[in-house]
Amino acid sequence: MAVMIKRQELSVYVEHYGICLEDRDTSWMPHPFPDGYDPGVFLKPFPGRLDIRSAGHTHTAHFTVEVWDGPVAEPEGDWDERGTASLRCVSGQLRLHGTSGGPATDDVHLPQAPATWQVRLLCTGRAEVAAETLHRAADNVERYTAQFWPAA
């Protein structure tokens, strides 16, 4: 059974529906965010980054990041969206940021670097944030859980 190594709670400012988890060291990446961003795809991997399509235009989203020592089952819940991807991280730190705004207050710290990680991304609150951001900015209505474990 997999053991959780760490858990982080983060908030990120979303604009233009876009969010990214990106290696802090972008020097090796052929396309830093937002190059190639596809606003129609919930989760799209690139070398060194994961692009995420939010359901709200302008708001603050809540992110829970879990790092595990092995594959883990999907947590129970009524998830609106889910996706999986592999992510190579050279620096051991990921920045969480919107399309044009600055990064979240803290980086995501991975215990091994360089390493390739399997990532499961889950989201809830999408319909609510889509409706609310038509009229005003929302705060922590859209909630993400990102689970990381070492790729085989």
N, C-alpha and C. Protein backbone atom coordinates (compact mmCIF):
# COMPACT_ATOMS: atom_id res chain seq x y z
N MET A 1 0.84 -1.18 0.00
CA MET A 1 0.00 0.00 0.00
C MET A 1 0.88 1.25 0.00
N ALA A 2 0.52 2.21 -0.82
CA ALA A 2 1.30 3.45 -0.94
C ALA A 2 1.20 4.29 0.33
N VAL A 3 2.28 5.02 0.60
CA VAL A 3 2.36 5.89 1.76
C VAL A 3 2.51 7.33 1.27
N MET A 4 1.72 8.24 1.86
CA MET A 4 1.85 9.65 1.50
C MET A 4 3.13 10.22 2.11
N ILE A 5 3.92 10.88 1.26
CA ILE A 5 5.17 11.50 1.69
C ILE A 5 4.93 12.92 2.18
N LYS A 6 4.10 13.65 1.46
CA LYS A 6 3.80 15.02 1.87
C LYS A 6 2.50 15.49 1.24
N ARG A 7 1.95 16.54 1.83
CA ARG A 7 0.71 17.15 1.34
C ARG A 7 0.88 18.66 1.46
N GLN A 8 0.50 19.39 0.41
CA GLN A 8 0.56 20.85 0.42
C GLN A 8 -0.80 21.40 0.01
N GLU A 9 -1.16 22.51 0.60
CA GLU A 9 -2.38 23.25 0.26
C GLU A 9 -1.93 24.57 -0.34
N LEU A 10 -2.39 24.86 -1.56
CA LEU A 10 -1.98 26.06 -2.28
C LEU A 10 -3.20 26.75 -2.87
N SER A 11 -3.08 28.04 -3.12
CA SER A 11 -4.07 28.78 -3.88
C SER A 11 -3.38 29.38 -5.09
N VAL A 12 -4.08 29.46 -6.20
CA VAL A 12 -3.51 30.04 -7.41
C VAL A 12 -4.53 30.96 -8.05
N TYR A 13 -4.05 32.09 -8.54
CA TYR A 13 -4.91 33.05 -9.24
C TYR A 13 -5.04 32.61 -10.70
N VAL A 14 -6.26 32.39 -11.14
CA VAL A 14 -6.55 31.92 -12.50
C VAL A 14 -7.06 33.09 -13.32
N GLU A 15 -6.53 33.23 -14.53
CA GLU A 15 -7.09 34.19 -15.48
C GLU A 15 -7.10 33.53 -16.85
N HIS A 16 -8.08 33.88 -17.65
CA HIS A 16 -8.23 33.32 -19.01
C HIS A 16 -8.32 31.79 -18.98
N TYR A 17 -8.87 31.23 -17.92
CA TYR A 17 -9.14 29.80 -17.79
C TYR A 17 -7.90 28.93 -17.67
N GLY A 18 -6.71 29.50 -17.60
CA GLY A 18 -5.51 28.69 -17.67
C GLY A 18 -4.70 28.64 -16.39
N ILE A 19 -4.20 27.43 -16.09
CA ILE A 19 -3.31 27.20 -14.95
C ILE A 19 -2.21 26.25 -15.45
N CYS A 20 -1.07 26.31 -14.80
CA CYS A 20 0.03 25.45 -15.18
C CYS A 20 0.81 25.00 -13.95
N LEU A 21 1.23 23.75 -13.95
CA LEU A 21 2.25 23.25 -13.04
C LEU A 21 3.50 23.09 -13.90
N GLU A 22 4.56 23.82 -13.56
CA GLU A 22 5.73 23.88 -14.44
C GLU A 22 7.02 23.76 -13.63
N ASP A 23 7.97 23.00 -14.18
CA ASP A 23 9.28 22.88 -13.55
C ASP A 23 9.84 24.27 -13.29
N ARG A 24 10.36 24.49 -12.12
CA ARG A 24 10.94 25.80 -11.78
C ARG A 24 12.12 26.14 -12.69
N ASP A 25 12.83 25.11 -13.13
CA ASP A 25 13.94 25.30 -14.07
C ASP A 25 13.40 25.13 -15.49
N THR A 26 13.10 26.24 -16.14
CA THR A 26 12.54 26.19 -17.51
C THR A 26 13.62 26.18 -18.58
N SER A 27 14.90 26.22 -18.20
CA SER A 27 15.97 26.32 -19.19
C SER A 27 16.05 25.11 -20.12
N TRP A 28 15.60 23.96 -19.69
CA TRP A 28 15.67 22.74 -20.51
C TRP A 28 14.40 22.49 -21.32
N MET A 29 13.37 23.26 -21.07
CA MET A 29 12.06 23.01 -21.67
C MET A 29 11.95 23.67 -23.05
N PRO A 30 11.46 22.93 -24.05
CA PRO A 30 11.31 23.53 -25.38
C PRO A 30 10.18 24.54 -25.46
N HIS A 31 9.17 24.42 -24.60
CA HIS A 31 8.01 25.31 -24.66
C HIS A 31 7.52 25.67 -23.26
N PRO A 32 8.06 26.72 -22.66
CA PRO A 32 7.51 27.17 -21.37
C PRO A 32 6.07 27.68 -21.53
N PHE A 33 5.32 27.62 -20.46
CA PHE A 33 3.94 28.07 -20.44
C PHE A 33 3.88 29.56 -20.77
N PRO A 34 2.96 30.04 -21.57
CA PRO A 34 1.77 29.39 -22.10
C PRO A 34 1.90 28.89 -23.55
N ASP A 35 3.12 28.76 -24.08
CA ASP A 35 3.29 28.27 -25.46
C ASP A 35 2.54 26.97 -25.67
N GLY A 36 1.69 26.94 -26.67
CA GLY A 36 0.93 25.73 -27.01
C GLY A 36 -0.26 25.45 -26.14
N TYR A 37 -0.59 26.36 -25.24
CA TYR A 37 -1.74 26.14 -24.35
C TYR A 37 -3.00 25.92 -25.18
N ASP A 38 -3.74 24.87 -24.86
CA ASP A 38 -4.98 24.53 -25.56
C ASP A 38 -6.14 24.73 -24.59
N PRO A 39 -6.94 25.79 -24.76
CA PRO A 39 -8.02 26.09 -23.81
C PRO A 39 -9.17 25.09 -23.83
N GLY A 40 -9.14 24.12 -24.74
CA GLY A 40 -10.22 23.14 -24.80
C GLY A 40 -9.91 21.82 -24.11
N VAL A 41 -8.73 21.70 -23.49
CA VAL A 41 -8.31 20.43 -22.90
C VAL A 41 -8.13 20.60 -21.39
N PHE A 42 -8.73 19.72 -20.59
CA PHE A 42 -8.63 19.80 -19.14
C PHE A 42 -7.19 19.65 -18.66
N LEU A 43 -6.48 18.63 -19.11
CA LEU A 43 -5.11 18.38 -18.67
C LEU A 43 -4.27 17.99 -19.88
N LYS A 44 -3.25 18.80 -20.17
CA LYS A 44 -2.39 18.53 -21.32
C LYS A 44 -0.92 18.58 -20.88
N PRO A 45 -0.21 17.44 -21.04
CA PRO A 45 1.20 17.43 -20.65
C PRO A 45 2.11 17.95 -21.77
N PHE A 46 3.15 18.62 -21.35
CA PHE A 46 4.26 19.06 -22.20
C PHE A 46 5.54 18.68 -21.45
N PRO A 47 6.69 18.69 -22.11
CA PRO A 47 7.93 18.45 -21.36
C PRO A 47 8.10 19.49 -20.25
N GLY A 48 8.12 19.01 -19.02
CA GLY A 48 8.34 19.88 -17.88
C GLY A 48 7.14 20.65 -17.37
N ARG A 49 5.97 20.40 -17.93
CA ARG A 49 4.80 21.17 -17.46
C ARG A 49 3.51 20.40 -17.73
N LEU A 50 2.50 20.77 -16.95
CA LEU A 50 1.13 20.29 -17.14
C LEU A 50 0.24 21.51 -17.24
N ASP A 51 -0.46 21.63 -18.37
CA ASP A 51 -1.43 22.72 -18.55
C ASP A 51 -2.79 22.23 -18.09
N ILE A 52 -3.51 23.11 -17.41
CA ILE A 52 -4.80 22.77 -16.84
C ILE A 52 -5.81 23.83 -17.27
N ARG A 53 -6.95 23.36 -17.75
CA ARG A 53 -8.02 24.29 -18.13
C ARG A 53 -9.01 24.40 -17.00
N SER A 54 -9.11 25.58 -16.44
CA SER A 54 -10.07 25.88 -15.39
C SER A 54 -11.44 26.12 -16.03
N ALA A 55 -12.49 25.99 -15.25
CA ALA A 55 -13.83 26.29 -15.74
C ALA A 55 -14.22 27.75 -15.52
N GLY A 56 -13.38 28.49 -14.78
CA GLY A 56 -13.68 29.89 -14.50
C GLY A 56 -12.66 30.81 -15.12
N HIS A 57 -13.12 31.98 -15.56
CA HIS A 57 -12.23 32.94 -16.23
C HIS A 57 -11.25 33.58 -15.27
N THR A 58 -11.74 34.23 -14.24
CA THR A 58 -10.89 34.96 -13.30
C THR A 58 -11.33 34.61 -11.88
N HIS A 59 -10.44 33.97 -11.14
CA HIS A 59 -10.77 33.55 -9.78
C HIS A 59 -9.53 32.97 -9.10
N THR A 60 -9.69 32.63 -7.85
CA THR A 60 -8.64 31.93 -7.11
C THR A 60 -9.10 30.49 -6.93
N ALA A 61 -8.27 29.55 -7.35
CA ALA A 61 -8.57 28.12 -7.22
C ALA A 61 -7.74 27.55 -6.07
N HIS A 62 -8.28 26.53 -5.43
CA HIS A 62 -7.59 25.85 -4.35
C HIS A 62 -6.95 24.58 -4.89
N PHE A 63 -5.70 24.33 -4.52
CA PHE A 63 -4.97 23.13 -4.95
C PHE A 63 -4.49 22.36 -3.73
N THR A 64 -4.79 21.08 -3.70
CA THR A 64 -4.20 20.17 -2.74
C THR A 64 -3.24 19.30 -3.54
N VAL A 65 -1.99 19.25 -3.12
CA VAL A 65 -0.98 18.43 -3.78
C VAL A 65 -0.55 17.34 -2.81
N GLU A 66 -0.64 16.10 -3.27
CA GLU A 66 -0.21 14.95 -2.48
C GLU A 66 0.93 14.27 -3.22
N VAL A 67 2.01 13.95 -2.49
CA VAL A 67 3.12 13.19 -3.06
C VAL A 67 3.16 11.85 -2.35
N TRP A 68 3.14 10.78 -3.14
CA TRP A 68 3.08 9.40 -2.63
C TRP A 68 4.34 8.65 -3.05
N ASP A 69 4.63 7.57 -2.33
CA ASP A 69 5.80 6.76 -2.68
C ASP A 69 5.50 5.70 -3.74
N GLY A 70 4.24 5.57 -4.13
CA GLY A 70 3.84 4.61 -5.15
C GLY A 70 2.44 4.91 -5.63
N PRO A 71 1.95 4.11 -6.60
CA PRO A 71 0.60 4.34 -7.13
C PRO A 71 -0.45 4.31 -6.02
N VAL A 72 -1.40 5.20 -6.14
CA VAL A 72 -2.43 5.35 -5.11
C VAL A 72 -3.81 5.35 -5.78
N ALA A 73 -4.80 4.85 -5.07
CA ALA A 73 -6.16 4.83 -5.59
C ALA A 73 -6.73 6.25 -5.61
N GLU A 74 -7.65 6.47 -6.53
CA GLU A 74 -8.33 7.76 -6.61
C GLU A 74 -9.15 7.97 -5.35
N PRO A 75 -9.05 9.15 -4.73
CA PRO A 75 -9.86 9.40 -3.53
C PRO A 75 -11.34 9.46 -3.88
N GLU A 76 -12.15 9.09 -2.91
CA GLU A 76 -13.59 9.15 -3.12
C GLU A 76 -14.03 10.59 -3.26
N GLY A 77 -15.08 10.79 -4.02
CA GLY A 77 -15.63 12.13 -4.19
C GLY A 77 -16.36 12.23 -5.51
N ASP A 78 -17.15 13.27 -5.63
CA ASP A 78 -17.88 13.54 -6.87
C ASP A 78 -17.03 14.50 -7.70
N TRP A 79 -16.11 13.96 -8.48
CA TRP A 79 -15.19 14.75 -9.28
C TRP A 79 -15.83 15.16 -10.59
N ASP A 80 -15.72 16.42 -10.94
CA ASP A 80 -16.26 16.94 -12.20
C ASP A 80 -15.36 16.57 -13.37
N GLU A 81 -14.06 16.56 -13.14
CA GLU A 81 -13.06 16.24 -14.17
C GLU A 81 -11.96 15.44 -13.54
N ARG A 82 -11.30 14.65 -14.38
CA ARG A 82 -10.13 13.90 -13.94
C ARG A 82 -9.22 13.67 -15.14
N GLY A 83 -7.95 13.61 -14.87
CA GLY A 83 -6.98 13.34 -15.92
C GLY A 83 -5.72 12.77 -15.31
N THR A 84 -4.93 12.08 -16.15
CA THR A 84 -3.65 11.54 -15.72
C THR A 84 -2.59 11.89 -16.75
N ALA A 85 -1.36 12.00 -16.29
CA ALA A 85 -0.25 12.34 -17.19
C ALA A 85 1.06 11.96 -16.52
N SER A 86 2.12 11.97 -17.30
CA SER A 86 3.48 11.85 -16.79
C SER A 86 4.12 13.22 -16.84
N LEU A 87 4.99 13.49 -15.88
CA LEU A 87 5.65 14.79 -15.82
C LEU A 87 7.10 14.61 -15.42
N ARG A 88 8.00 15.09 -16.24
CA ARG A 88 9.44 15.10 -15.93
C ARG A 88 9.75 16.42 -15.21
N CYS A 89 10.42 16.32 -14.07
CA CYS A 89 10.81 17.51 -13.31
C CYS A 89 12.30 17.41 -13.00
N VAL A 90 13.06 18.38 -13.50
CA VAL A 90 14.51 18.40 -13.33
C VAL A 90 14.90 19.03 -12.00
N SER A 91 14.22 20.09 -11.61
CA SER A 91 14.61 20.87 -10.43
C SER A 91 14.10 20.31 -9.11
N GLY A 92 13.04 19.50 -9.15
CA GLY A 92 12.41 19.03 -7.91
C GLY A 92 11.40 20.01 -7.35
N GLN A 93 11.18 21.12 -8.07
CA GLN A 93 10.20 22.11 -7.65
C GLN A 93 9.31 22.48 -8.83
N LEU A 94 8.04 22.55 -8.58
CA LEU A 94 7.07 22.96 -9.60
C LEU A 94 6.43 24.27 -9.18
N ARG A 95 6.27 25.17 -10.14
CA ARG A 95 5.54 26.41 -9.90
C ARG A 95 4.11 26.21 -10.39
N LEU A 96 3.18 26.67 -9.61
CA LEU A 96 1.77 26.66 -9.96
C LEU A 96 1.40 28.09 -10.28
N HIS A 97 0.95 28.35 -11.51
CA HIS A 97 0.64 29.74 -11.87
C HIS A 97 -0.41 29.81 -12.97
N GLY A 98 -1.04 30.98 -13.07
CA GLY A 98 -2.01 31.26 -14.11
C GLY A 98 -1.32 31.70 -15.39
N THR A 99 -2.12 32.01 -16.41
CA THR A 99 -1.55 32.32 -17.72
C THR A 99 -0.69 33.57 -17.74
N SER A 100 -1.04 34.61 -17.00
CA SER A 100 -0.22 35.82 -17.03
C SER A 100 0.16 36.32 -15.65
N GLY A 101 -0.45 35.79 -14.61
CA GLY A 101 -0.14 36.23 -13.26
C GLY A 101 1.07 35.51 -12.71
N GLY A 102 1.50 35.93 -11.55
CA GLY A 102 2.63 35.30 -10.90
C GLY A 102 2.27 33.94 -10.33
N PRO A 103 3.29 33.25 -9.83
CA PRO A 103 3.05 31.91 -9.29
C PRO A 103 2.34 31.96 -7.94
N ALA A 104 1.85 30.78 -7.52
CA ALA A 104 1.29 30.64 -6.18
C ALA A 104 2.37 31.03 -5.17
N THR A 105 1.97 31.25 -3.95
CA THR A 105 2.92 31.72 -2.94
C THR A 105 4.02 30.70 -2.65
N ASP A 106 3.75 29.42 -2.80
CA ASP A 106 4.73 28.37 -2.54
C ASP A 106 4.88 27.49 -3.77
N ASP A 107 6.07 26.93 -3.93
CA ASP A 107 6.29 25.92 -4.96
C ASP A 107 5.85 24.57 -4.44
N VAL A 108 5.59 23.66 -5.37
CA VAL A 108 5.36 22.26 -5.03
C VAL A 108 6.74 21.62 -4.97
N HIS A 109 7.06 21.01 -3.85
CA HIS A 109 8.37 20.40 -3.65
C HIS A 109 8.26 18.88 -3.80
N LEU A 110 9.00 18.35 -4.76
CA LEU A 110 9.02 16.91 -5.00
C LEU A 110 10.29 16.34 -4.38
N PRO A 111 10.22 15.16 -3.76
CA PRO A 111 11.36 14.65 -3.00
C PRO A 111 12.51 14.08 -3.84
N GLN A 112 12.31 13.89 -5.14
CA GLN A 112 13.36 13.34 -5.99
C GLN A 112 13.51 14.22 -7.22
N ALA A 113 14.76 14.46 -7.60
CA ALA A 113 15.01 15.24 -8.82
C ALA A 113 16.40 14.92 -9.33
N PRO A 114 16.56 14.84 -10.61
CA PRO A 114 15.48 14.82 -11.60
C PRO A 114 14.70 13.51 -11.51
N ALA A 115 13.46 13.56 -11.89
CA ALA A 115 12.60 12.38 -11.83
C ALA A 115 11.39 12.57 -12.73
N THR A 116 10.78 11.46 -13.10
CA THR A 116 9.52 11.47 -13.83
C THR A 116 8.44 10.98 -12.89
N TRP A 117 7.32 11.69 -12.89
CA TRP A 117 6.22 11.43 -11.97
C TRP A 117 4.96 11.10 -12.74
N GLN A 118 4.17 10.21 -12.19
CA GLN A 118 2.80 10.01 -12.65
C GLN A 118 1.95 10.99 -11.85
N VAL A 119 0.99 11.61 -12.52
CA VAL A 119 0.14 12.60 -11.87
C VAL A 119 -1.32 12.29 -12.18
N ARG A 120 -2.13 12.30 -11.15
CA ARG A 120 -3.59 12.23 -11.31
C ARG A 120 -4.12 13.58 -10.86
N LEU A 121 -4.91 14.22 -11.71
CA LEU A 121 -5.50 15.51 -11.37
C LEU A 121 -7.01 15.37 -11.33
N LEU A 122 -7.60 15.80 -10.24
CA LEU A 122 -9.04 15.73 -10.02
C LEU A 122 -9.55 17.13 -9.72
N CYS A 123 -10.79 17.41 -10.12
CA CYS A 123 -11.34 18.75 -9.90
C CYS A 123 -12.82 18.68 -9.57
N THR A 124 -13.24 19.57 -8.71
CA THR A 124 -14.65 19.73 -8.36
C THR A 124 -14.96 21.24 -8.30
N GLY A 125 -16.25 21.57 -8.39
CA GLY A 125 -16.68 22.97 -8.32
C GLY A 125 -16.66 23.69 -9.66
N ARG A 126 -16.59 22.95 -10.74
CA ARG A 126 -16.44 23.56 -12.06
C ARG A 126 -17.71 24.30 -12.52
N ALA A 127 -18.87 23.71 -12.36
CA ALA A 127 -20.10 24.38 -12.78
C ALA A 127 -20.32 25.65 -11.95
N GLU A 128 -20.06 25.55 -10.66
CA GLU A 128 -20.26 26.70 -9.77
C GLU A 128 -19.32 27.84 -10.12
N VAL A 129 -18.03 27.53 -10.38
CA VAL A 129 -17.09 28.61 -10.69
C VAL A 129 -17.38 29.21 -12.06
N ALA A 130 -17.83 28.39 -13.00
CA ALA A 130 -18.18 28.92 -14.33
C ALA A 130 -19.31 29.93 -14.21
N ALA A 131 -20.33 29.61 -13.41
CA ALA A 131 -21.47 30.52 -13.24
C ALA A 131 -21.07 31.77 -12.45
N GLU A 132 -20.31 31.58 -11.38
CA GLU A 132 -19.96 32.71 -10.52
C GLU A 132 -19.03 33.70 -11.21
N THR A 133 -18.08 33.21 -12.01
CA THR A 133 -17.11 34.12 -12.64
C THR A 133 -17.70 34.88 -13.82
N LEU A 134 -18.93 34.61 -14.18
CA LEU A 134 -19.61 35.44 -15.18
C LEU A 134 -19.93 36.82 -14.60
N HIS A 135 -20.02 36.90 -13.26
CA HIS A 135 -20.44 38.13 -12.60
C HIS A 135 -19.36 38.77 -11.71
N ARG A 136 -18.46 37.94 -11.19
CA ARG A 136 -17.42 38.45 -10.28
C ARG A 136 -16.34 37.37 -10.10
N ALA A 137 -15.23 37.78 -9.53
CA ALA A 137 -14.17 36.82 -9.21
C ALA A 137 -14.62 35.92 -8.06
N ALA A 138 -14.26 34.67 -8.12
CA ALA A 138 -14.63 33.71 -7.09
C ALA A 138 -13.39 33.34 -6.27
N ASP A 139 -13.62 32.82 -5.09
CA ASP A 139 -12.53 32.44 -4.21
C ASP A 139 -12.68 31.00 -3.75
N ASN A 140 -11.78 30.14 -4.18
CA ASN A 140 -11.70 28.74 -3.76
C ASN A 140 -12.98 27.94 -4.02
N VAL A 141 -13.73 28.29 -5.06
CA VAL A 141 -14.91 27.53 -5.45
C VAL A 141 -14.47 26.29 -6.24
N GLU A 142 -13.53 26.49 -7.15
CA GLU A 142 -12.97 25.37 -7.91
C GLU A 142 -11.82 24.79 -7.10
N ARG A 143 -11.85 23.45 -6.91
CA ARG A 143 -10.87 22.79 -6.04
C ARG A 143 -10.23 21.62 -6.79
N TYR A 144 -8.93 21.59 -6.73
CA TYR A 144 -8.14 20.56 -7.41
C TYR A 144 -7.41 19.70 -6.40
N THR A 145 -7.25 18.43 -6.73
CA THR A 145 -6.35 17.53 -6.00
C THR A 145 -5.41 16.94 -7.04
N ALA A 146 -4.12 17.12 -6.82
CA ALA A 146 -3.09 16.55 -7.69
C ALA A 146 -2.31 15.52 -6.89
N GLN A 147 -2.32 14.29 -7.36
CA GLN A 147 -1.61 13.21 -6.68
C GLN A 147 -0.39 12.84 -7.55
N PHE A 148 0.79 12.85 -6.95
CA PHE A 148 2.04 12.51 -7.62
C PHE A 148 2.61 11.22 -7.02
N TRP A 149 3.17 10.38 -7.88
CA TRP A 149 3.97 9.23 -7.41
C TRP A 149 5.02 8.93 -8.46
N PRO A 150 6.16 8.34 -8.07
CA PRO A 150 7.23 8.09 -9.02
C PRO A 150 6.76 7.19 -10.16
N ALA A 151 7.14 7.55 -11.39
CA ALA A 151 6.81 6.72 -12.55
C ALA A 151 7.68 5.46 -12.51
N ALA A 152 7.13 4.38 -12.98
CA ALA A 152 7.88 3.11 -12.99
C ALA A 152 9.05 3.17 -13.95
